[in-house]
């Protein structure tokens, strides 16, 4: 391995270390309590070293949120082996729910915390690439459902947004512990039960 290749690999490894340490601190201390200095201390490097790779904490949060979308997107890609678009849509919903409930901190970062979007605004990015890519996967599946004769009378984009919003809302309420204390018989399983109810609705002719 040449010197240039070795240096490039070392840079990628250090960048990965910064992100892993930042993620650990965010989970343990919370986003507001985590600083660039605390991240630098955790990896035993100088603050200046962290700034070489990331302009500020929002940039780190954006990079982490992008990792989350990559992980979710890789799970969605497997589902495109499912030929029936309605079966795929059902599976996508369950994959989305499992991802959200098993990765609540990452899910909050992906969809609730403002910092990643503030980073995009500061860098004059016009598109939320990660969100667009994920939404397009859903929209493609809904489009195929419409072409197959499902959802008669509905329109592609608002229907896709409605489905996303419904599943996202259920996950967010659960992660935010809003399902507790509202007299639900089974708060621990309410998201799966509610999604089953949704499937019954879309299966009706």
Protein backbone atom coordinates (compact mmCIF):
# COMPACT_ATOMS: atom_id res chain seq x y z
CA UNK A 1 0.00 0.00 0.00
CA UNK A 2 1.36 3.42 -0.99
CA UNK A 3 1.69 6.44 1.27
CA UNK A 4 -1.31 8.22 -0.28
CA UNK A 5 -3.54 5.18 0.12
CA UNK A 6 -2.45 4.69 3.71
CA UNK A 7 -3.15 8.34 4.57
CA UNK A 8 -6.56 8.17 2.91
CA UNK A 9 -7.44 5.06 4.91
CA UNK A 10 -6.24 6.68 8.14
CA UNK A 11 -8.40 9.73 7.44
CA UNK A 12 -11.48 7.56 6.85
CA UNK A 13 -10.78 5.59 10.01
CA UNK A 14 -10.46 8.77 12.07
CA UNK A 15 -13.65 10.19 10.57
CA UNK A 16 -15.43 6.94 11.44
CA UNK A 17 -14.04 7.12 14.99
CA UNK A 18 -15.35 10.68 15.41
CA UNK A 19 -18.82 9.65 14.28
CA UNK A 20 -18.92 6.54 16.45
CA UNK A 21 -17.82 8.50 19.52
CA UNK A 22 -20.26 11.32 18.79
CA UNK A 23 -23.13 8.85 18.45
CA UNK A 24 -22.22 7.21 21.76
CA UNK A 25 -22.09 10.58 23.53
CA UNK A 26 -25.37 11.71 22.00
CA UNK A 27 -27.09 8.60 23.33
CA UNK A 28 -25.48 8.82 26.77
CA UNK A 29 -25.61 12.57 27.39
CA UNK A 30 -28.06 13.93 24.86
CA UNK A 31 -27.38 16.09 21.84
CA UNK A 32 -27.46 19.41 23.68
CA UNK A 33 -24.92 18.28 26.29
CA UNK A 34 -22.47 16.91 23.73
CA UNK A 35 -19.87 19.36 22.44
CA UNK A 36 -17.04 19.21 19.93
CA UNK A 37 -14.64 19.28 22.89
CA UNK A 38 -16.32 16.30 24.57
CA UNK A 39 -16.12 14.38 21.31
CA UNK A 40 -12.44 15.27 20.95
CA UNK A 41 -11.76 14.22 24.55
CA UNK A 42 -13.52 10.91 23.98
CA UNK A 43 -11.27 10.00 21.05
CA UNK A 44 -8.18 11.59 22.67
CA UNK A 45 -7.55 14.02 19.84
CA UNK A 46 -7.50 17.80 19.77
CA UNK A 47 -10.58 19.89 19.07
CA UNK A 48 -8.84 21.15 15.96
CA UNK A 49 -8.60 17.62 14.61
CA UNK A 50 -12.37 17.20 14.82
CA UNK A 51 -12.85 20.50 12.99
CA UNK A 52 -10.66 19.25 10.16
CA UNK A 53 -13.35 16.69 9.38
CA UNK A 54 -16.53 18.48 10.45
CA UNK A 55 -17.23 22.21 10.43
CA UNK A 56 -19.49 22.02 13.52
CA UNK A 57 -21.73 19.72 15.56
CA UNK A 58 -24.57 20.05 13.05
CA UNK A 59 -22.28 18.61 10.38
CA UNK A 60 -21.61 15.60 12.61
CA UNK A 61 -25.32 15.16 13.24
CA UNK A 62 -25.99 15.36 9.51
CA UNK A 63 -23.38 12.69 8.81
CA UNK A 64 -24.89 10.42 11.45
CA UNK A 65 -28.42 10.95 10.17
CA UNK A 66 -27.17 10.03 6.69
CA UNK A 67 -25.83 6.76 8.12
CA UNK A 68 -29.30 6.04 9.47
CA UNK A 69 -30.89 6.51 6.07
CA UNK A 70 -28.27 4.28 4.48
CA UNK A 71 -29.12 1.53 6.98
CA UNK A 72 -32.88 1.91 6.42
CA UNK A 73 -32.43 2.11 2.65
CA UNK A 74 -30.41 -1.11 2.57
CA UNK A 75 -33.30 -2.91 4.26
CA UNK A 76 -35.79 -1.46 1.78
CA UNK A 77 -33.67 -2.55 -1.20
CA UNK A 78 -34.04 -6.20 -0.23
CA UNK A 79 -37.80 -5.83 -0.48
CA UNK A 80 -37.66 -5.03 -4.19
CA UNK A 81 -37.30 -8.76 -4.70
CA UNK A 82 -40.99 -8.90 -3.73
CA UNK A 83 -42.84 -8.73 -7.05
CA UNK A 84 -46.33 -7.98 -5.69
CA UNK A 85 -46.31 -4.24 -4.88
CA UNK A 86 -48.99 -4.55 -2.19
CA UNK A 87 -47.03 -7.28 -0.42
CA UNK A 88 -43.95 -5.07 -0.72
CA UNK A 89 -45.83 -2.09 0.72
CA UNK A 90 -46.93 -4.15 3.71
CA UNK A 91 -43.37 -5.40 4.24
CA UNK A 92 -41.95 -1.88 3.93
CA UNK A 93 -44.25 -0.71 6.70
CA UNK A 94 -43.12 -3.47 9.03
CA UNK A 95 -39.44 -2.89 8.20
CA UNK A 96 -39.87 0.84 8.86
CA UNK A 97 -41.55 0.20 12.21
CA UNK A 98 -38.93 -2.31 13.33
CA UNK A 99 -36.12 0.06 12.36
CA UNK A 100 -37.70 2.98 14.23
CA UNK A 101 -38.48 1.04 17.41
CA UNK A 102 -35.12 -0.73 17.52
CA UNK A 103 -33.15 2.48 16.83
CA UNK A 104 -35.10 5.22 18.62
CA UNK A 105 -32.19 7.65 19.01
CA UNK A 106 -31.18 7.32 15.37
CA UNK A 107 -34.81 7.65 14.29
CA UNK A 108 -35.17 10.89 16.25
CA UNK A 109 -32.03 12.19 14.60
CA UNK A 110 -33.31 11.23 11.16
CA UNK A 111 -36.78 12.72 11.47
CA UNK A 112 -37.13 14.97 14.52
CA UNK A 113 -33.90 16.74 15.47
CA UNK A 114 -33.51 19.97 13.48
CA UNK A 115 -29.71 20.03 13.31
CA UNK A 116 -29.27 17.93 10.11
CA UNK A 117 -31.70 20.22 8.26
CA UNK A 118 -30.02 23.31 9.68
CA UNK A 119 -26.75 21.98 8.28
CA UNK A 120 -28.35 21.68 4.84
CA UNK A 121 -29.69 25.23 5.07
CA UNK A 122 -26.29 26.56 6.11
CA UNK A 123 -24.60 24.85 3.18
CA UNK A 124 -27.32 26.03 0.74
CA UNK A 125 -28.32 22.50 -0.17
CA UNK A 126 -31.68 22.64 -1.92
CA UNK A 127 -32.52 18.94 -1.56
CA UNK A 128 -32.74 16.66 1.45
CA UNK A 129 -31.11 13.84 -0.50
CA UNK A 130 -31.50 11.13 2.14
CA UNK A 131 -35.17 11.85 2.72
CA UNK A 132 -35.88 12.20 -1.00
CA UNK A 133 -34.28 8.86 -1.78
CA UNK A 134 -36.26 7.04 0.92
CA UNK A 135 -39.54 8.71 -0.04
CA UNK A 136 -38.96 7.84 -3.71
CA UNK A 137 -38.68 4.17 -2.75
CA UNK A 138 -42.10 4.37 -1.09
CA UNK A 139 -43.59 6.39 -3.95
CA UNK A 140 -42.35 3.88 -6.53
CA UNK A 141 -44.07 1.05 -4.66
CA UNK A 142 -47.32 3.03 -4.28
CA UNK A 143 -47.18 3.86 -8.01
CA UNK A 144 -46.96 0.16 -8.83
CA UNK A 145 -49.90 -0.50 -6.50
CA UNK A 146 -51.98 2.10 -8.36
CA UNK A 147 -50.98 0.61 -11.71
CA UNK A 148 -52.06 -2.82 -10.45
CA UNK A 149 -55.55 -1.48 -9.68
CA UNK A 150 -55.24 -0.76 -5.96
CA UNK A 151 -56.24 2.52 -4.28
CA UNK A 152 -58.72 3.45 -7.01
CA UNK A 153 -59.46 7.17 -7.10
CA UNK A 154 -56.35 8.13 -5.10
CA UNK A 155 -53.43 10.28 -6.21
CA UNK A 156 -49.82 9.10 -6.05
CA UNK A 157 -47.93 11.80 -4.17
CA UNK A 158 -50.48 12.73 -1.49
CA UNK A 159 -51.30 9.05 -0.95
CA UNK A 160 -47.61 8.20 -0.53
CA UNK A 161 -47.16 11.11 1.88
CA UNK A 162 -50.23 10.04 3.85
CA UNK A 163 -48.92 6.47 4.24
CA UNK A 164 -45.50 7.75 5.35
CA UNK A 165 -47.07 10.22 7.77
CA UNK A 166 -49.32 7.59 9.32
CA UNK A 167 -46.53 5.09 10.00
CA UNK A 168 -44.10 7.82 11.06
CA UNK A 169 -46.66 9.28 13.45
CA UNK A 170 -47.24 5.96 15.17
CA UNK A 171 -43.50 5.40 15.58
CA UNK A 172 -42.90 8.92 16.87
CA UNK A 173 -45.69 8.68 19.44
CA UNK A 174 -44.26 5.41 20.70
CA UNK A 175 -40.65 6.60 20.81
CA UNK A 176 -41.73 9.79 22.57
CA UNK A 177 -43.53 7.63 25.17
CA UNK A 178 -46.84 9.27 24.24
CA UNK A 179 -48.51 5.86 24.15
CA UNK A 180 -48.13 5.54 27.91
CA UNK A 181 -50.76 6.80 30.30
CA UNK A 182 -53.56 7.15 27.75
CA UNK A 183 -55.46 4.03 28.83
CA UNK A 184 -54.21 1.75 26.07
CA UNK A 185 -54.69 -1.91 26.91
CA UNK A 186 -51.39 -2.96 25.27
CA UNK A 187 -49.12 0.09 24.86
CA UNK A 188 -46.08 -2.10 24.21
CA UNK A 189 -47.64 -3.61 21.07
CA UNK A 190 -49.95 -0.79 19.97
CA UNK A 191 -47.83 0.20 16.96
CA UNK A 192 -47.94 -3.27 15.44
CA UNK A 193 -51.63 -3.57 16.24
CA UNK A 194 -52.37 -0.18 14.67
CA UNK A 195 -50.43 -1.10 11.56
CA UNK A 196 -52.48 -4.30 11.29
CA UNK A 197 -55.62 -2.13 11.39
CA UNK A 198 -54.18 0.03 8.61
CA UNK A 199 -53.57 -3.06 6.50
CA UNK A 200 -57.17 -4.14 6.99
CA UNK A 201 -58.31 -0.74 5.72
CA UNK A 202 -56.18 -0.81 2.56
CA UNK A 203 -57.22 -4.39 1.81
CA UNK A 204 -60.87 -3.41 1.59
CA UNK A 205 -62.17 -3.14 -1.99
